């Protein structure tokens, strides 16, 4: 999360919120003692959640 904070200039609380959200959506997973990684099998997105018009 420190890299997120440095790269985007955001507060610790914000980076933690983003991290929790990405994990809750299944976009990342965390390996204890190793870090967080992008999920290989990304969840399917519904038309409502795609952000498209």
C-alpha atoms as a PDB file:
ATOM      1  CA  UNK A   1       0.000   0.000   0.000  1.00  0.00           C
ATOM      2  CA  UNK A   2       2.967   2.271   0.454  1.00  0.00           C
ATOM      3  CA  UNK A   3       3.537   2.237  -3.293  1.00  0.00           C
ATOM      4  CA  UNK A   4      -0.071   3.329  -3.853  1.00  0.00           C
ATOM      5  CA  UNK A   5       0.382   6.154  -1.377  1.00  0.00           C
ATOM      6  CA  UNK A   6       3.623   7.339  -2.957  1.00  0.00           C
ATOM      7  CA  UNK A   7       2.528   7.009  -6.583  1.00  0.00           C
ATOM      8  CA  UNK A   8      -0.859   8.683  -6.194  1.00  0.00           C
ATOM      9  CA  UNK A   9      -0.157  10.942  -3.208  1.00  0.00           C
ATOM     10  CA  UNK A  10      -3.041   9.529  -1.166  1.00  0.00           C
ATOM     11  CA  UNK A  11      -3.511   9.085   2.566  1.00  0.00           C
ATOM     12  CA  UNK A  12      -3.014   5.770   4.367  1.00  0.00           C
ATOM     13  CA  UNK A  13      -6.740   5.441   5.094  1.00  0.00           C
ATOM     14  CA  UNK A  14      -7.544   5.935   1.404  1.00  0.00           C
ATOM     15  CA  UNK A  15      -5.047   3.301   0.252  1.00  0.00           C
ATOM     16  CA  UNK A  16      -6.422   0.839   2.807  1.00  0.00           C
ATOM     17  CA  UNK A  17      -9.975   1.484   1.593  1.00  0.00           C
ATOM     18  CA  UNK A  18      -8.939   0.938  -2.035  1.00  0.00           C
ATOM     19  CA  UNK A  19      -7.074  -2.268  -1.111  1.00  0.00           C
ATOM     20  CA  UNK A  20     -10.106  -3.651   0.767  1.00  0.00           C
ATOM     21  CA  UNK A  21     -12.376  -2.779  -2.153  1.00  0.00           C
ATOM     22  CA  UNK A  22     -10.141  -4.478  -4.727  1.00  0.00           C
ATOM     23  CA  UNK A  23      -9.899  -7.574  -2.533  1.00  0.00           C
ATOM     24  CA  UNK A  24     -13.678  -7.623  -1.950  1.00  0.00           C
ATOM     25  CA  UNK A  25     -14.271  -7.473  -5.720  1.00  0.00           C
ATOM     26  CA  UNK A  26     -11.872 -10.367  -6.277  1.00  0.00           C
ATOM     27  CA  UNK A  27      -9.455  -8.282  -8.326  1.00  0.00           C
ATOM     28  CA  UNK A  28      -6.531  -8.915  -5.980  1.00  0.00           C
ATOM     29  CA  UNK A  29      -5.626 -11.520  -3.387  1.00  0.00           C
ATOM     30  CA  UNK A  30      -3.232 -11.374  -0.451  1.00  0.00           C
ATOM     31  CA  UNK A  31      -0.639 -13.971   0.494  1.00  0.00           C
ATOM     32  CA  UNK A  32       0.403 -13.529   4.143  1.00  0.00           C
ATOM     33  CA  UNK A  33       4.064 -12.579   4.389  1.00  0.00           C
ATOM     34  CA  UNK A  34       4.351 -12.064   0.617  1.00  0.00           C
ATOM     35  CA  UNK A  35       2.022  -9.240  -0.398  1.00  0.00           C
ATOM     36  CA  UNK A  36      -0.947  -8.611  -2.657  1.00  0.00           C
ATOM     37  CA  UNK A  37      -1.231  -9.758  -6.241  1.00  0.00           C
ATOM     38  CA  UNK A  38      -3.572  -9.302  -9.201  1.00  0.00           C
ATOM     39  CA  UNK A  39      -5.970 -12.239  -9.475  1.00  0.00           C
ATOM     40  CA  UNK A  40      -5.460 -14.509 -12.468  1.00  0.00           C
ATOM     41  CA  UNK A  41      -9.152 -15.402 -12.678  1.00  0.00           C
ATOM     42  CA  UNK A  42     -10.936 -12.076 -12.653  1.00  0.00           C
ATOM     43  CA  UNK A  43     -14.606 -12.084 -11.703  1.00  0.00           C
ATOM     44  CA  UNK A  44     -17.111 -11.456 -14.475  1.00  0.00           C
ATOM     45  CA  UNK A  45     -18.597  -7.984 -14.395  1.00  0.00           C
ATOM     46  CA  UNK A  46     -22.268  -7.296 -14.855  1.00  0.00           C
ATOM     47  CA  UNK A  47     -23.504  -4.690 -17.347  1.00  0.00           C
ATOM     48  CA  UNK A  48     -24.504  -2.502 -14.397  1.00  0.00           C
ATOM     49  CA  UNK A  49     -21.005  -2.493 -12.918  1.00  0.00           C
ATOM     50  CA  UNK A  50     -19.116  -1.908 -16.155  1.00  0.00           C
ATOM     51  CA  UNK A  51     -19.355   1.872 -15.975  1.00  0.00           C
ATOM     52  CA  UNK A  52     -20.324   1.999 -19.655  1.00  0.00           C
ATOM     53  CA  UNK A  53     -23.011   4.149 -21.171  1.00  0.00           C
END
